[in-house]
Amino acid sequence: MTVEEYSRDWKTQRIVERTLQIAIEICIDIANHIISDEGYRTPVSYSDTFKVIYENKVISEEVYNIMEKISKFRNILVHNYTKINPD
């Protein structure tokens, strides 16, 4: 599928967006399980969840930076979905 085809196919866009949302939420859930199991501080946001496990050397700084961006993207998918540009 080309970018042009994708930009015209709202059903595929929704499938991709929802799949990304679920994948991101799974990562957040895994991080929260680690935090709970290890007794780390309680995160104040989804992006902070990854900061907590970074602070405790569970993930590298590189992974933390990626996951922080991904968690913010999840918020766009969930709350600002009308602003998503498929291109």
N, C-alpha and C. Protein backbone atom coordinates (compact mmCIF):
# COMPACT_ATOMS: atom_id res chain seq x y z
N MET A 1 0.85 -1.17 0.00
CA MET A 1 0.00 0.00 0.00
C MET A 1 0.90 1.24 0.00
N THR A 2 0.61 2.14 -0.90
CA THR A 2 1.38 3.39 -0.96
C THR A 2 0.86 4.37 0.08
N VAL A 3 1.63 5.41 0.32
CA VAL A 3 1.20 6.47 1.24
C VAL A 3 -0.08 7.11 0.72
N GLU A 4 -0.16 7.30 -0.57
CA GLU A 4 -1.35 7.90 -1.16
C GLU A 4 -2.58 7.01 -0.93
N GLU A 5 -2.43 5.72 -1.15
CA GLU A 5 -3.54 4.79 -0.91
C GLU A 5 -3.93 4.79 0.57
N TYR A 6 -2.93 4.79 1.42
CA TYR A 6 -3.19 4.80 2.86
C TYR A 6 -3.94 6.07 3.27
N SER A 7 -3.55 7.21 2.73
CA SER A 7 -4.18 8.47 3.12
C SER A 7 -5.65 8.54 2.70
N ARG A 8 -6.05 7.72 1.73
CA ARG A 8 -7.45 7.68 1.29
C ARG A 8 -8.24 6.56 1.95
N ASP A 9 -7.59 5.67 2.66
CA ASP A 9 -8.24 4.48 3.22
C ASP A 9 -8.45 4.64 4.73
N TRP A 10 -9.56 5.24 5.11
CA TRP A 10 -9.79 5.53 6.52
C TRP A 10 -9.90 4.27 7.37
N LYS A 11 -10.38 3.17 6.80
CA LYS A 11 -10.48 1.93 7.58
C LYS A 11 -9.09 1.42 7.97
N THR A 12 -8.19 1.42 7.03
CA THR A 12 -6.82 0.99 7.33
C THR A 12 -6.17 1.95 8.32
N GLN A 13 -6.43 3.24 8.17
CA GLN A 13 -5.88 4.22 9.11
C GLN A 13 -6.34 3.91 10.53
N ARG A 14 -7.61 3.61 10.70
CA ARG A 14 -8.14 3.31 12.04
C ARG A 14 -7.54 2.03 12.60
N ILE A 15 -7.36 1.03 11.74
CA ILE A 15 -6.75 -0.23 12.18
C ILE A 15 -5.32 0.03 12.66
N VAL A 16 -4.57 0.79 11.89
CA VAL A 16 -3.18 1.08 12.25
C VAL A 16 -3.13 1.90 13.54
N GLU A 17 -3.96 2.93 13.64
CA GLU A 17 -3.98 3.77 14.83
C GLU A 17 -4.33 2.98 16.08
N ARG A 18 -5.36 2.16 15.99
CA ARG A 18 -5.79 1.37 17.15
C ARG A 18 -4.73 0.33 17.53
N THR A 19 -4.12 -0.29 16.54
CA THR A 19 -3.07 -1.27 16.81
C THR A 19 -1.88 -0.60 17.50
N LEU A 20 -1.49 0.59 17.04
CA LEU A 20 -0.41 1.32 17.71
C LEU A 20 -0.79 1.68 19.13
N GLN A 21 -2.02 2.14 19.33
CA GLN A 21 -2.48 2.48 20.68
C GLN A 21 -2.37 1.27 21.61
N ILE A 22 -2.84 0.14 21.16
CA ILE A 22 -2.79 -1.08 21.99
C ILE A 22 -1.34 -1.46 22.29
N ALA A 23 -0.47 -1.41 21.29
CA ALA A 23 0.94 -1.77 21.49
C ALA A 23 1.60 -0.85 22.50
N ILE A 24 1.32 0.44 22.40
CA ILE A 24 1.88 1.41 23.35
C ILE A 24 1.36 1.14 24.75
N GLU A 25 0.06 0.87 24.88
CA GLU A 25 -0.52 0.60 26.19
C GLU A 25 0.04 -0.68 26.80
N ILE A 26 0.37 -1.66 25.97
CA ILE A 26 1.01 -2.87 26.48
C ILE A 26 2.38 -2.53 27.06
N CYS A 27 3.14 -1.68 26.38
CA CYS A 27 4.45 -1.25 26.90
C CYS A 27 4.30 -0.52 28.24
N ILE A 28 3.29 0.33 28.33
CA ILE A 28 3.03 1.05 29.58
C ILE A 28 2.66 0.07 30.69
N ASP A 29 1.82 -0.90 30.37
CA ASP A 29 1.42 -1.92 31.36
C ASP A 29 2.62 -2.72 31.85
N ILE A 30 3.49 -3.11 30.93
CA ILE A 30 4.68 -3.87 31.32
C ILE A 30 5.55 -3.02 32.25
N ALA A 31 5.76 -1.76 31.88
CA ALA A 31 6.55 -0.86 32.73
C ALA A 31 5.92 -0.72 34.11
N ASN A 32 4.60 -0.59 34.16
CA ASN A 32 3.91 -0.47 35.45
C ASN A 32 4.04 -1.74 36.29
N HIS A 33 4.05 -2.89 35.66
CA HIS A 33 4.26 -4.15 36.40
C HIS A 33 5.66 -4.18 37.00
N ILE A 34 6.65 -3.75 36.22
CA ILE A 34 8.02 -3.70 36.74
C ILE A 34 8.09 -2.75 37.93
N ILE A 35 7.49 -1.58 37.78
CA ILE A 35 7.50 -0.58 38.85
C ILE A 35 6.86 -1.14 40.11
N SER A 36 5.72 -1.78 39.96
CA SER A 36 5.01 -2.35 41.10
C SER A 36 5.81 -3.48 41.75
N ASP A 37 6.31 -4.40 40.92
CA ASP A 37 7.06 -5.54 41.44
C ASP A 37 8.33 -5.12 42.18
N GLU A 38 8.98 -4.07 41.68
CA GLU A 38 10.25 -3.63 42.27
C GLU A 38 10.07 -2.57 43.36
N GLY A 39 8.86 -2.05 43.51
CA GLY A 39 8.61 -1.04 44.54
C GLY A 39 9.17 0.33 44.21
N TYR A 40 9.28 0.65 42.92
CA TYR A 40 9.76 1.96 42.51
C TYR A 40 8.68 3.01 42.77
N ARG A 41 9.07 4.28 42.67
CA ARG A 41 8.11 5.36 42.91
C ARG A 41 6.97 5.29 41.91
N THR A 42 5.83 5.84 42.32
CA THR A 42 4.64 5.83 41.48
C THR A 42 4.77 6.91 40.40
N PRO A 43 4.61 6.54 39.14
CA PRO A 43 4.69 7.54 38.07
C PRO A 43 3.48 8.47 38.09
N VAL A 44 3.69 9.70 37.62
CA VAL A 44 2.60 10.68 37.60
C VAL A 44 1.93 10.79 36.22
N SER A 45 2.52 10.15 35.22
CA SER A 45 1.95 10.18 33.87
C SER A 45 2.46 8.96 33.11
N TYR A 46 1.91 8.76 31.92
CA TYR A 46 2.38 7.64 31.10
C TYR A 46 3.86 7.81 30.74
N SER A 47 4.25 9.01 30.33
CA SER A 47 5.66 9.21 29.98
C SER A 47 6.56 9.08 31.21
N ASP A 48 6.06 9.46 32.37
CA ASP A 48 6.84 9.31 33.60
C ASP A 48 7.05 7.84 33.96
N THR A 49 6.16 6.99 33.51
CA THR A 49 6.30 5.55 33.74
C THR A 49 7.66 5.08 33.21
N PHE A 50 8.01 5.54 32.03
CA PHE A 50 9.28 5.14 31.43
C PHE A 50 10.46 5.85 32.10
N LYS A 51 10.22 7.05 32.61
CA LYS A 51 11.29 7.74 33.35
C LYS A 51 11.63 6.96 34.62
N VAL A 52 10.62 6.44 35.29
CA VAL A 52 10.85 5.67 36.51
C VAL A 52 11.72 4.45 36.23
N ILE A 53 11.41 3.71 35.19
CA ILE A 53 12.22 2.51 34.94
C ILE A 53 13.59 2.89 34.36
N TYR A 54 13.70 4.04 33.72
CA TYR A 54 15.01 4.53 33.28
C TYR A 54 15.85 4.92 34.50
N GLU A 55 15.26 5.65 35.43
CA GLU A 55 15.97 6.06 36.65
C GLU A 55 16.52 4.87 37.42
N ASN A 56 15.84 3.75 37.30
CA ASN A 56 16.25 2.54 38.02
C ASN A 56 17.04 1.58 37.13
N LYS A 57 17.52 2.11 36.00
CA LYS A 57 18.42 1.38 35.10
C LYS A 57 17.81 0.10 34.50
N VAL A 58 16.50 0.12 34.33
CA VAL A 58 15.83 -1.01 33.67
C VAL A 58 15.93 -0.86 32.16
N ILE A 59 15.87 0.39 31.68
CA ILE A 59 16.02 0.67 30.25
C ILE A 59 17.11 1.72 30.07
N SER A 60 17.67 1.76 28.87
CA SER A 60 18.72 2.73 28.55
C SER A 60 18.10 4.11 28.30
N GLU A 61 18.96 5.11 28.26
CA GLU A 61 18.49 6.46 27.96
C GLU A 61 17.89 6.53 26.56
N GLU A 62 18.50 5.82 25.63
CA GLU A 62 17.99 5.79 24.26
C GLU A 62 16.57 5.22 24.20
N VAL A 63 16.35 4.11 24.88
CA VAL A 63 15.02 3.51 24.91
C VAL A 63 14.04 4.43 25.64
N TYR A 64 14.49 5.03 26.74
CA TYR A 64 13.63 5.96 27.48
C TYR A 64 13.16 7.10 26.57
N ASN A 65 14.08 7.70 25.82
CA ASN A 65 13.71 8.82 24.94
C ASN A 65 12.67 8.40 23.90
N ILE A 66 12.84 7.22 23.36
CA ILE A 66 11.87 6.71 22.38
C ILE A 66 10.52 6.46 23.05
N MET A 67 10.53 5.80 24.20
CA MET A 67 9.28 5.45 24.87
C MET A 67 8.54 6.69 25.37
N GLU A 68 9.28 7.71 25.77
CA GLU A 68 8.63 8.96 26.19
C GLU A 68 7.86 9.57 25.02
N LYS A 69 8.47 9.59 23.84
CA LYS A 69 7.80 10.11 22.65
C LYS A 69 6.60 9.24 22.27
N ILE A 70 6.78 7.94 22.37
CA ILE A 70 5.70 7.03 22.02
C ILE A 70 4.51 7.20 22.96
N SER A 71 4.78 7.40 24.25
CA SER A 71 3.67 7.58 25.20
C SER A 71 2.92 8.88 24.92
N LYS A 72 3.63 9.90 24.48
CA LYS A 72 2.97 11.16 24.11
C LYS A 72 2.14 10.97 22.84
N PHE A 73 2.65 10.15 21.92
CA PHE A 73 1.90 9.84 20.71
C PHE A 73 0.60 9.11 21.05
N ARG A 74 0.65 8.24 22.05
CA ARG A 74 -0.55 7.54 22.51
C ARG A 74 -1.63 8.55 22.92
N ASN A 75 -1.22 9.61 23.60
CA ASN A 75 -2.18 10.63 24.01
C ASN A 75 -2.81 11.32 22.80
N ILE A 76 -2.03 11.52 21.77
CA ILE A 76 -2.58 12.10 20.54
C ILE A 76 -3.59 11.14 19.92
N LEU A 77 -3.24 9.86 19.86
CA LEU A 77 -4.17 8.87 19.30
C LEU A 77 -5.49 8.84 20.06
N VAL A 78 -5.41 8.96 21.38
CA VAL A 78 -6.61 8.82 22.21
C VAL A 78 -7.39 10.12 22.32
N HIS A 79 -6.69 11.25 22.46
CA HIS A 79 -7.38 12.50 22.78
C HIS A 79 -7.45 13.50 21.63
N ASN A 80 -6.50 13.46 20.73
CA ASN A 80 -6.47 14.44 19.64
C ASN A 80 -6.54 13.77 18.27
N TYR A 81 -7.29 12.70 18.20
CA TYR A 81 -7.35 11.89 16.98
C TYR A 81 -7.79 12.67 15.74
N THR A 82 -8.54 13.74 15.92
CA THR A 82 -8.99 14.52 14.76
C THR A 82 -7.84 15.30 14.13
N LYS A 83 -6.74 15.45 14.85
CA LYS A 83 -5.60 16.20 14.34
C LYS A 83 -4.55 15.31 13.67
N ILE A 84 -4.80 14.02 13.62
CA ILE A 84 -3.84 13.11 13.02
C ILE A 84 -3.90 13.24 11.50
N ASN A 85 -2.75 13.48 10.91
CA ASN A 85 -2.65 13.60 9.46
C ASN A 85 -2.07 12.29 8.93
N PRO A 86 -2.81 11.55 8.13
CA PRO A 86 -2.32 10.25 7.66
C PRO A 86 -1.11 10.34 6.74
N ASP A 87 -0.81 11.52 6.25
CA ASP A 87 0.35 11.68 5.37
C ASP A 87 1.59 11.78 6.21
